[in-house]
Protein backbone atom coordinates (compact mmCIF):
# COMPACT_ATOMS: atom_id res chain seq x y z
CA MET A 1 0.00 0.00 0.00
CA GLU A 2 2.94 2.37 0.57
CA GLY A 3 3.99 2.25 -3.09
CA HIS A 4 0.37 2.77 -4.10
CA GLU A 5 0.00 5.88 -1.92
CA GLU A 6 3.27 7.32 -3.26
CA SER A 7 2.23 6.85 -6.93
CA ILE A 8 -1.15 8.44 -6.25
CA THR A 9 0.58 11.41 -4.63
CA LYS A 10 2.95 11.90 -7.58
CA HIS A 11 0.07 11.66 -10.03
CA GLU A 12 -1.92 14.25 -8.09
CA GLN A 13 1.13 16.52 -7.89
CA LEU A 14 1.53 16.34 -11.65
CA LEU A 15 -2.13 17.18 -12.28
CA GLN A 16 -2.02 20.06 -9.80
CA HIS A 17 1.17 21.35 -11.46
CA ILE A 18 -0.47 21.22 -14.91
CA GLU A 19 -3.58 22.98 -13.58
CA GLY A 20 -1.37 25.69 -12.10
CA LEU A 21 0.32 26.48 -15.42
CA LYS A 22 -0.58 29.70 -17.19
CA ILE A 23 -3.16 29.37 -19.97
CA GLY A 24 -1.30 28.99 -23.27
CA THR A 25 1.80 27.35 -21.76
CA LYS A 26 3.29 24.60 -23.93
CA ILE A 27 3.81 21.34 -22.05
CA SER A 28 6.72 18.96 -22.66
CA VAL A 29 6.45 15.48 -21.14
CA ARG A 30 10.24 15.27 -20.84
CA LYS A 31 10.50 18.67 -19.12
CA LEU A 32 7.56 17.86 -16.84
CA ALA A 33 9.20 14.60 -15.77
CA LYS A 34 12.53 16.31 -15.10
CA ASN A 35 11.05 19.22 -13.11
CA LEU A 36 8.93 16.99 -10.85
CA GLY A 37 11.38 14.10 -10.58
CA VAL A 38 9.18 11.39 -12.09
CA SER A 39 9.53 9.02 -15.01
CA GLU A 40 8.47 10.14 -18.47
CA GLY A 41 5.80 7.40 -18.45
CA THR A 42 4.25 8.83 -15.27
CA ALA A 43 4.37 12.35 -16.73
CA TYR A 44 2.79 11.14 -20.00
CA ARG A 45 -0.09 9.47 -18.12
CA ALA A 46 -0.75 12.68 -16.19
CA VAL A 47 -0.80 14.73 -19.42
CA LYS A 48 -3.24 12.28 -21.05
CA GLU A 49 -5.53 12.49 -18.01
CA ALA A 50 -5.32 16.30 -18.10
CA GLU A 51 -6.34 16.05 -21.75
CA ASN A 52 -9.34 13.90 -20.81
CA LEU A 53 -10.30 16.51 -18.23
CA GLY A 54 -10.17 19.24 -20.87
CA ILE A 55 -7.42 21.36 -19.26
CA VAL A 56 -4.85 20.68 -22.01
CA ILE A 57 -5.16 20.05 -25.73
CA THR A 58 -2.76 18.51 -28.24
CA LYS A 59 -2.74 19.87 -31.78
CA GLU A 60 -0.69 18.87 -34.79
CA ARG A 61 2.37 21.09 -35.38
CA ILE A 62 1.62 22.99 -32.14
CA GLY A 63 2.03 20.36 -29.43
CA THR A 64 0.38 20.11 -26.02
CA VAL A 65 -0.91 23.37 -24.57
CA ARG A 66 -2.58 24.33 -21.28
CA VAL A 67 -6.07 25.66 -21.99
CA GLU A 68 -8.93 26.98 -19.93
CA LYS A 69 -11.61 24.37 -19.45
CA LYS A 70 -14.90 25.86 -20.55
CA PRO A 71 -18.36 24.41 -19.99
CA ARG A 72 -19.14 22.29 -23.04
CA ASN A 73 -22.62 23.72 -23.40
CA ILE A 74 -21.61 27.34 -24.02
CA THR A 75 -20.18 26.58 -27.47
CA ASP A 76 -23.50 26.83 -29.27
CA GLN A 77 -22.34 29.33 -31.91
CA LEU A 78 -20.79 28.28 -35.20
CA SER A 79 -17.40 29.45 -36.36
CA PHE A 80 -16.77 30.28 -40.02
CA GLY A 81 -14.65 27.11 -40.10
CA ASP A 82 -17.73 25.12 -39.04
CA VAL A 83 -19.69 26.72 -41.89
CA VAL A 84 -17.08 25.52 -44.42
CA ASP A 85 -17.62 21.92 -43.26
CA ILE A 86 -21.41 22.24 -43.09
CA VAL A 87 -21.88 23.58 -46.64
CA GLU A 88 -19.13 21.36 -48.10
CA GLY A 89 -17.32 24.50 -49.20
CA HIS A 90 -13.77 25.54 -49.91
CA VAL A 91 -12.01 28.70 -48.80
CA LEU A 92 -10.97 31.27 -51.40
CA GLY A 93 -9.39 33.82 -49.03
CA GLY A 94 -9.01 34.99 -45.44
CA ALA A 95 -8.38 31.47 -44.21
CA GLU A 96 -5.45 32.02 -41.88
CA GLN A 97 -7.37 33.60 -38.97
CA GLY A 98 -10.82 34.24 -40.37
CA LEU A 99 -12.09 30.68 -39.95
CA GLN A 100 -11.67 30.88 -36.17
CA LYS A 101 -14.09 33.81 -35.89
CA THR A 102 -17.63 33.29 -34.60
CA LEU A 103 -20.68 33.60 -36.84
CA HIS A 104 -23.31 35.84 -35.19
CA LYS A 105 -25.92 35.79 -37.97
CA TYR A 106 -26.24 35.26 -41.70
CA VAL A 107 -27.78 37.53 -44.33
CA ILE A 108 -29.12 36.36 -47.70
CA GLY A 109 -28.05 38.84 -50.36
CA ALA A 110 -31.18 38.76 -52.53
CA MET A 111 -31.58 42.57 -52.64
CA LYS A 112 -30.06 45.70 -54.07
CA ILE A 113 -26.64 46.69 -52.79
CA ASP A 114 -27.79 49.77 -50.83
CA ALA A 115 -30.51 47.77 -49.07
CA MET A 116 -28.03 44.97 -48.35
CA ALA A 117 -25.73 47.41 -46.53
CA ARG A 118 -28.35 47.99 -43.82
CA TYR A 119 -28.35 44.32 -42.79
CA ILE A 120 -24.65 43.46 -42.88
CA ASP A 121 -22.52 44.08 -39.80
CA ALA A 122 -19.33 42.75 -38.24
CA GLY A 123 -19.43 39.03 -37.47
CA SER A 124 -22.23 38.26 -39.92
CA LEU A 125 -22.04 36.08 -43.03
CA LEU A 126 -23.38 37.25 -46.38
CA ILE A 127 -24.81 34.41 -48.49
CA VAL A 128 -24.79 35.60 -52.09
CA GLY A 129 -24.09 34.47 -55.63
CA ASN A 130 -21.67 35.82 -58.21
CA ARG A 131 -21.91 39.50 -57.15
CA GLU A 132 -18.47 40.99 -56.66
CA ASP A 133 -19.82 44.35 -55.43
CA ALA A 134 -21.61 42.50 -52.61
CA HIS A 135 -18.42 40.61 -51.77
CA PHE A 136 -16.53 43.89 -51.34
CA LEU A 137 -19.38 45.43 -49.32
CA ALA A 138 -19.52 42.54 -46.85
CA LEU A 139 -15.75 42.50 -46.25
CA GLU A 140 -15.62 46.27 -45.76
CA GLN A 141 -18.31 45.99 -43.08
CA GLY A 142 -16.49 43.19 -41.22
CA ALA A 143 -18.55 40.25 -42.51
CA GLY A 144 -17.56 36.97 -44.12
CA VAL A 145 -18.89 35.89 -47.52
CA LEU A 146 -20.39 32.59 -48.66
CA ILE A 147 -20.65 32.43 -52.46
CA THR A 148 -23.25 29.94 -53.67
CA GLY A 149 -23.53 28.05 -56.96
CA GLY A 150 -19.85 27.13 -57.01
CA PHE A 151 -18.78 30.57 -58.21
CA GLY A 152 -15.46 32.21 -57.38
CA THR A 153 -14.47 35.83 -56.98
CA SER A 154 -11.79 38.27 -58.14
CA ARG A 155 -8.19 38.42 -57.00
CA GLU A 156 -8.87 41.86 -55.46
CA VAL A 157 -11.64 40.45 -53.25
CA LYS A 158 -9.39 37.59 -52.13
CA GLN A 159 -6.59 40.02 -51.29
CA LEU A 160 -8.95 42.16 -49.22
CA ALA A 161 -10.21 39.05 -47.41
CA ASP A 162 -6.62 38.06 -46.57
CA LYS A 163 -5.83 41.58 -45.38
CA LEU A 164 -8.91 41.75 -43.11
CA SER A 165 -8.71 38.06 -42.01
CA LEU A 166 -12.31 37.53 -43.10
CA PRO A 167 -13.23 34.32 -44.93
CA ILE A 168 -14.48 34.04 -48.49
CA ILE A 169 -16.13 30.62 -48.86
CA SER A 170 -17.49 29.00 -52.03
CA SER A 171 -20.11 26.24 -52.03
CA ARG A 172 -21.62 24.37 -54.98
CA HIS A 173 -25.07 24.41 -53.31
CA ASP A 174 -27.73 27.04 -53.98
CA THR A 175 -28.72 29.78 -51.52
CA PHE A 176 -31.77 28.00 -50.11
CA THR A 177 -29.84 24.78 -49.53
CA VAL A 178 -26.88 26.39 -47.72
CA ALA A 179 -29.23 28.47 -45.54
CA SER A 180 -31.12 25.27 -44.62
CA MET A 181 -27.84 23.48 -43.83
CA ILE A 182 -26.67 26.29 -41.55
CA ASN A 183 -30.08 26.50 -39.84
CA ARG A 184 -30.05 22.75 -39.19
CA ALA A 185 -26.55 22.96 -37.71
CA ILE A 186 -27.55 25.84 -35.42
CA PHE A 187 -30.60 23.91 -34.17
CA ASP A 188 -28.48 20.79 -33.63
CA ARG A 189 -26.06 22.80 -31.49
CA LEU A 190 -28.90 24.26 -29.46
CA ILE A 191 -30.27 20.78 -28.84
CA LYS A 192 -26.83 19.49 -27.82
CA LYS A 193 -26.50 22.46 -25.48
CA LYS A 194 -29.58 21.25 -23.61
CA ILE A 195 -28.36 17.65 -23.36
CA MET A 196 -26.07 17.43 -20.35
CA LEU A 197 -23.17 15.00 -20.41
CA VAL A 198 -21.20 13.43 -17.59
CA GLU A 199 -18.31 15.81 -18.33
CA ASP A 200 -20.56 18.75 -17.38
CA ILE A 201 -20.70 17.66 -13.73
CA ILE A 202 -17.16 16.30 -13.34
CA SER A 203 -14.67 18.44 -11.47
CA SER A 204 -10.98 18.03 -12.34
CA ARG A 205 -10.03 18.96 -8.75
CA VAL A 206 -11.95 16.15 -7.03
CA ARG A 207 -9.79 13.14 -6.30
CA VAL A 208 -11.41 9.73 -6.78
CA SER A 209 -10.69 7.46 -3.83
CA THR A 210 -9.54 4.04 -5.05
CA LEU A 211 -8.16 0.75 -3.80
CA LYS A 212 -5.69 -1.65 -5.41
CA VAL A 213 -6.36 -5.32 -6.12
CA ASN A 214 -3.82 -6.24 -3.38
CA SER A 215 -5.51 -4.00 -0.78
CA ASN A 216 -7.14 -5.69 2.20
CA VAL A 217 -10.35 -5.15 4.14
CA SER A 218 -8.64 -2.90 6.67
CA ASP A 219 -7.63 -0.58 3.79
CA PHE A 220 -11.30 -0.44 2.78
CA GLU A 221 -12.34 0.44 6.33
CA GLU A 222 -9.71 3.17 6.58
CA LEU A 223 -10.76 4.73 3.26
CA ALA A 224 -14.43 4.53 4.26
CA ARG A 225 -13.69 6.42 7.50
CA GLU A 226 -11.67 9.09 5.64
CA THR A 227 -14.21 9.73 2.87
CA GLY A 228 -17.58 8.65 4.27
CA TYR A 229 -18.18 6.56 1.14
CA GLN A 230 -19.07 2.87 1.17
CA ARG A 231 -18.14 1.89 -2.39
CA PHE A 232 -14.84 2.35 -4.27
CA PRO A 233 -13.33 1.53 -7.67
CA VAL A 234 -10.49 -0.99 -7.63
CA VAL A 235 -7.71 -0.14 -10.10
CA ASP A 236 -4.54 -1.81 -11.37
CA GLU A 237 -1.06 -0.27 -11.52
CA TRP A 238 -2.02 1.64 -14.71
CA ASN A 239 -5.12 3.15 -13.07
CA ARG A 240 -7.46 0.96 -15.12
CA VAL A 241 -10.73 0.00 -13.42
CA ILE A 242 -10.87 -3.74 -12.81
CA GLY A 243 -13.62 -3.91 -10.22
CA ILE A 244 -15.83 -2.36 -7.55
CA ILE A 245 -15.76 -3.09 -3.81
CA SER A 246 -18.62 -2.08 -1.53
CA ARG A 247 -19.59 -2.34 2.12
CA LYS A 248 -21.75 -5.44 1.57
CA ASP A 249 -18.75 -7.24 -0.01
CA VAL A 250 -16.62 -6.91 3.16
CA GLU A 251 -19.27 -7.57 5.81
CA ASP A 252 -18.00 -10.07 8.41
CA ILE A 253 -14.69 -10.52 6.56
CA PRO A 254 -11.43 -10.45 8.61
CA ALA A 255 -9.50 -7.16 8.37
CA GLU A 256 -6.34 -8.80 7.01
CA SER A 257 -8.20 -10.52 4.12
CA SER A 258 -7.38 -9.41 0.56
CA ILE A 259 -10.18 -7.78 -1.40
CA GLU A 260 -9.08 -9.55 -4.60
CA LYS A 261 -11.69 -12.32 -4.31
CA LEU A 262 -14.36 -10.05 -2.79
CA LEU A 263 -14.62 -7.35 -5.44
CA THR A 264 -17.13 -7.32 -8.31
CA ARG A 265 -15.12 -7.62 -11.52
CA HIS A 266 -15.92 -6.08 -14.93
CA PRO A 267 -18.08 -3.34 -13.40
CA ILE A 268 -20.46 -1.12 -15.34
CA THR A 269 -18.70 2.14 -16.28
CA ALA A 270 -19.44 5.27 -18.35
CA GLY A 271 -17.42 7.80 -20.33
CA MET A 272 -17.16 11.57 -20.16
CA HIS A 273 -19.46 11.93 -23.19
CA THR A 274 -22.19 9.69 -21.78
CA SER A 275 -25.40 11.70 -21.38
CA LEU A 276 -26.72 12.15 -17.85
CA ALA A 277 -29.99 10.53 -18.91
CA SER A 278 -28.08 7.45 -20.11
CA ALA A 279 -26.07 7.36 -16.88
CA ALA A 280 -29.32 7.48 -14.87
CA GLN A 281 -30.82 4.70 -16.98
CA ILE A 282 -27.72 2.53 -16.61
CA MET A 283 -27.80 2.87 -12.82
CA THR A 284 -31.56 2.19 -12.72
CA TRP A 285 -31.35 -0.94 -14.87
CA GLU A 286 -28.31 -2.28 -13.05
CA GLY A 287 -29.61 -1.38 -9.58
CA ILE A 288 -26.47 0.60 -8.70
CA ASP A 289 -25.95 4.11 -7.34
CA PHE A 290 -22.27 4.62 -8.24
CA LEU A 291 -20.66 4.78 -11.68
CA PRO A 292 -16.90 4.99 -12.39
CA ILE A 293 -16.07 7.33 -15.29
CA VAL A 294 -13.30 6.02 -17.53
CA ASP A 295 -11.49 6.90 -20.75
CA ARG A 296 -11.28 4.68 -23.84
CA ASN A 297 -8.61 2.55 -22.18
CA ARG A 298 -10.75 2.06 -19.06
CA LYS A 299 -8.44 4.30 -17.06
CA LEU A 300 -10.27 5.96 -14.20
CA ILE A 301 -11.04 9.66 -14.61
CA SER A 302 -13.70 10.26 -11.97
CA SER A 303 -16.97 8.86 -10.64
CA VAL A 304 -20.59 9.97 -10.26
CA THR A 305 -23.41 8.95 -7.95
CA ARG A 306 -27.06 8.59 -8.86
CA LYS A 307 -27.90 11.48 -6.54
CA GLU A 308 -25.48 13.80 -8.38
CA VAL A 309 -26.83 12.76 -11.79
CA LEU A 310 -30.49 13.19 -10.85
CA GLN A 311 -29.88 16.59 -9.25
CA ALA A 312 -28.07 17.82 -12.37
CA MET A 313 -30.93 16.55 -14.56
CA ARG A 314 -33.49 18.39 -12.42
CA ASP A 315 -31.42 21.58 -12.67
CA ALA A 316 -31.24 21.18 -16.46
CA GLN A 317 -35.03 20.79 -16.70
CA ASN A 318 -35.42 24.21 -15.09
CA GLN A 319 -33.51 25.79 -17.99
CA PRO A 320 -35.41 27.02 -21.08
CA GLN A 321 -35.72 24.49 -23.91
CA LEU A 322 -33.36 25.28 -26.78
CA GLY A 323 -33.84 23.87 -30.27
CA GLU A 324 -36.38 21.26 -31.28
CA THR A 325 -35.86 17.52 -31.53
CA PHE A 326 -38.11 15.38 -33.74
CA GLU A 327 -39.91 14.27 -30.58
CA HIS A 328 -40.63 17.87 -29.60
CA LEU A 329 -41.83 18.71 -33.10
CA MET A 330 -44.29 15.79 -32.99
CA TRP A 331 -45.47 16.26 -29.42
CA ASN A 332 -45.78 20.06 -29.55
CA GLY A 333 -48.84 19.64 -31.78
CA PHE A 334 -50.73 17.87 -28.98
CA ALA A 335 -52.68 19.66 -26.28
CA GLU A 336 -53.06 18.32 -22.74
CA GLU A 337 -56.43 18.26 -20.99
CA ARG A 338 -57.89 16.63 -17.91
CA GLY A 339 -61.13 14.69 -17.99
CA GLU A 340 -63.92 14.72 -15.38
CA ASP A 341 -62.26 11.74 -13.69
CA GLY A 342 -59.04 13.77 -13.26
CA ARG A 343 -57.05 11.72 -15.79
CA LEU A 344 -54.91 13.35 -18.43
CA PHE A 345 -55.66 12.93 -22.11
CA PHE A 346 -54.04 14.45 -25.18
CA HIS A 347 -55.50 15.53 -28.51
CA GLY A 348 -53.92 16.70 -31.74
CA MET A 349 -53.72 16.31 -35.51
CA ILE A 350 -51.73 13.82 -37.57
CA THR A 351 -49.62 16.13 -39.76
CA PRO A 352 -48.21 15.25 -43.21
CA GLN A 353 -44.68 15.10 -41.72
CA MET A 354 -45.81 12.15 -39.56
CA SER A 355 -46.87 10.04 -42.54
CA THR A 356 -45.31 7.35 -44.71
CA ASN A 357 -45.23 7.62 -48.50
CA LEU A 358 -48.61 5.83 -48.47
CA GLY A 359 -50.26 8.68 -46.58
CA THR A 360 -50.82 6.85 -43.28
CA ILE A 361 -49.08 7.54 -39.99
CA SER A 362 -45.60 6.11 -39.57
CA GLN A 363 -45.60 3.28 -37.02
CA GLY A 364 -42.48 4.76 -35.44
CA VAL A 365 -44.21 8.13 -34.98
CA LEU A 366 -47.33 6.46 -33.59
CA THR A 367 -45.25 4.51 -31.07
CA ALA A 368 -43.41 7.71 -30.06
CA LEU A 369 -46.71 9.54 -29.47
CA LEU A 370 -48.12 6.71 -27.35
CA SER A 371 -44.86 6.52 -25.37
CA GLN A 372 -44.79 10.27 -24.69
CA ALA A 373 -48.40 10.21 -23.50
CA GLY A 374 -47.59 7.35 -21.14
CA LEU A 375 -44.47 9.08 -19.75
CA SER A 376 -46.44 12.29 -19.17
CA ALA A 377 -49.27 10.43 -17.41
CA ALA A 378 -46.83 8.52 -15.18
CA LYS A 379 -45.08 11.72 -14.14
CA ASP A 380 -48.46 13.29 -13.38
CA VAL A 381 -49.22 10.45 -10.95
CA ASN A 382 -46.02 10.36 -8.87
CA GLY A 383 -43.93 13.31 -10.07
CA ASN A 384 -41.04 11.08 -11.18
CA ASP A 385 -39.20 10.83 -14.47
CA HIS A 386 -39.27 7.38 -16.02
CA ILE A 387 -37.61 5.24 -18.67
CA VAL A 388 -39.47 2.74 -20.85
CA ASP A 389 -38.88 -0.82 -19.67
CA ASN A 390 -41.30 -2.58 -22.00
CA LEU A 391 -43.75 -1.47 -24.68
CA THR A 392 -46.22 -3.63 -26.61
CA THR A 393 -48.12 -1.83 -29.35
CA TYR A 394 -51.19 -2.94 -31.30
CA PHE A 395 -52.03 -1.19 -34.59
CA VAL A 396 -55.79 -1.65 -34.98
CA ARG A 397 -56.51 0.35 -38.14
CA PRO A 398 -54.68 2.83 -40.42
CA VAL A 399 -54.45 6.44 -39.29
CA GLN A 400 -54.71 8.95 -42.15
CA ILE A 401 -52.94 12.29 -42.29
CA GLU A 402 -54.98 15.23 -40.94
CA TYR A 403 -56.97 12.90 -38.70
CA PRO A 404 -57.74 14.45 -35.29
CA VAL A 405 -56.84 11.86 -32.64
CA VAL A 406 -57.12 11.53 -28.87
CA ILE A 407 -54.55 9.66 -26.75
CA SER A 408 -55.86 8.42 -23.40
CA PRO A 409 -53.41 6.81 -20.93
CA VAL A 410 -54.73 4.81 -17.97
CA VAL A 411 -52.40 3.97 -15.07
CA LEU A 412 -53.00 0.32 -14.14
CA GLU A 413 -50.40 -0.04 -11.42
CA VAL A 414 -47.93 2.32 -9.78
CA SER A 415 -45.21 2.00 -7.16
CA ARG A 416 -42.18 3.97 -6.09
CA ARG A 417 -40.05 2.06 -8.61
CA ALA A 418 -42.35 1.23 -11.51
CA CYS A 419 -45.53 2.14 -13.36
CA LYS A 420 -47.73 0.13 -15.72
CA LEU A 421 -50.14 1.81 -18.14
CA GLU A 422 -52.60 1.07 -20.91
CA ILE A 423 -52.73 3.74 -23.63
CA ALA A 424 -55.36 4.10 -26.34
CA MET A 425 -55.42 6.28 -29.43
CA THR A 426 -58.86 6.97 -30.93
CA HIS A 427 -60.26 8.81 -33.94
CA GLN A 428 -63.92 9.86 -33.69
CA ASP A 429 -64.32 7.46 -30.75
CA SER A 430 -63.00 4.50 -32.79
CA LEU A 431 -59.89 2.73 -31.52
CA VAL A 432 -56.96 2.99 -33.95
CA ALA A 433 -54.03 1.90 -31.75
CA LYS A 434 -53.34 0.60 -28.27
CA ALA A 435 -50.23 0.04 -26.15
CA VAL A 436 -49.33 -1.56 -22.85
CA MET A 437 -46.28 0.07 -21.27
CA THR A 438 -44.11 -0.65 -18.24
CA LEU A 439 -41.90 2.13 -16.95
CA GLN A 440 -39.10 2.29 -14.38
CA SER A 441 -38.62 5.38 -12.25
CA ILE A 442 -35.15 6.94 -12.37
CA ASP A 443 -35.93 9.06 -9.28
CA HIS A 444 -36.36 6.39 -6.61
CA ALA A 445 -33.68 6.25 -3.96
C-alpha cells in the first residue's frame, strides 16, 4: 500500500502542477518529468488524463498546450470554419485567422446593394451568388462571404479578405440549400446544449478514492472512514478499473483478508461523453448508485453517484428548452387536458410530416406519441421521471394524415419504482391503436 499511496501522490502533484500552469503554456512530457522528478511514463499518463479533463489540448504542429476548461454547453455558436464543413465548401481567401471567428448571424443577399448594406454588420455572413460588389461590401463591413452556386471571386476580393482576415467561402449548393444546412446545424447545437453529459458535472479537482487489487479489508475500512463513502473503484497499476468493492462485499470478513476475491469484476462504467440521462438509466437498470467514469482505455477519470446525476438533470429541466428535436416537433402539436375523472388525455392532428409515402401515420411516430403520452401520465401520478422498460403496441386500423386523434393513458399499477399503463389512441371514438407500457422510475432512492 505504501507504493500505491506514493504513486497516487505523484500523479496528483503532476495534475495540480499542470492545472497551475498559465493558460497557453506549452507542455513537454520530458520537461515535466525532469522538473517533478518522475519518469516520463508517469508524466505522460498525467498529461493524457489532463487532456481527458479538458485542461490541455494537443494539436498537430503545435504540441500540447494548457487551456482553460470551458463548460461544453456554451459553445452553441458556429465558427466560419464550421460553416465551411457544413456547406461542403472551400475557402478562397481569409483562411489564416478568419475561420476561427464566430458567426453571429447570416444575411441572404437577394436585394439591391444599398438595401443589403443595412443588414450586414461585423461578425455576420453574407450568403450571395456571383456579385463581386456585394463581396466587397460585406468585407468592408467586417462580414464573411459565402458564395453559392460554385462561383469564385476576383483576385482583389481575395486580397482584401486576406488583409482583413475575413473568410471568403465557395459552395456548390444554392442559396436556399446552404441556408437550410446552416439552420439545421444551429438547431443541432442548441439541442446538444440542452443535453447534459457526464463531463458537465465532473470536477478536475476532485480526487477519486480508489483501492488496489492487493488492498485488504482494513484498507477499505480506513478509506471509508476518511471519505464517508461505502463503495470504491479498484484499479490496477495503470489506473485501469478492474472492479468495484462495496460495504456489503466486506461484511463479516477479517481485516487482514485481501479484497481480490471479494470485489465485483468487470463493473459497469461510463465515459465523459455519456449523457446524464443514459447514466441514470444505466444505474436504474443495473440497480447501482455509483458509476466509475473512464477513458477509452478504461483508465479511471472520476466517478458519479445517482444522486449527483439526478440533481443535475433536475437543474437542467429548469432551464429554457433550446432547439427542437423530432420528438418535440411531434409532441408540440398535442394539447393536454384533464377529464372529469381527473385523468390526463391528449389531442392533436396527424400532420403530413408524420406520414409514410402511403399517406398513413408512420408506425415509429405512432409509437413515439403513445410513449410520450404514457411518460407524461406517469409523471403526473407520482412526479417522477421514467424510462421505458417494456412497450407492446397494437395497430388496430390505419391512421390517415390530418386525422384528429385523442390519446388516453390509464395507469393500471404504480409503485415507487415502476408504473404500468394502458394507452389508447382513438379517432372519432373509434380505436386505432393501443399500447401496454411498463416504466421504471429513475428518481427512486
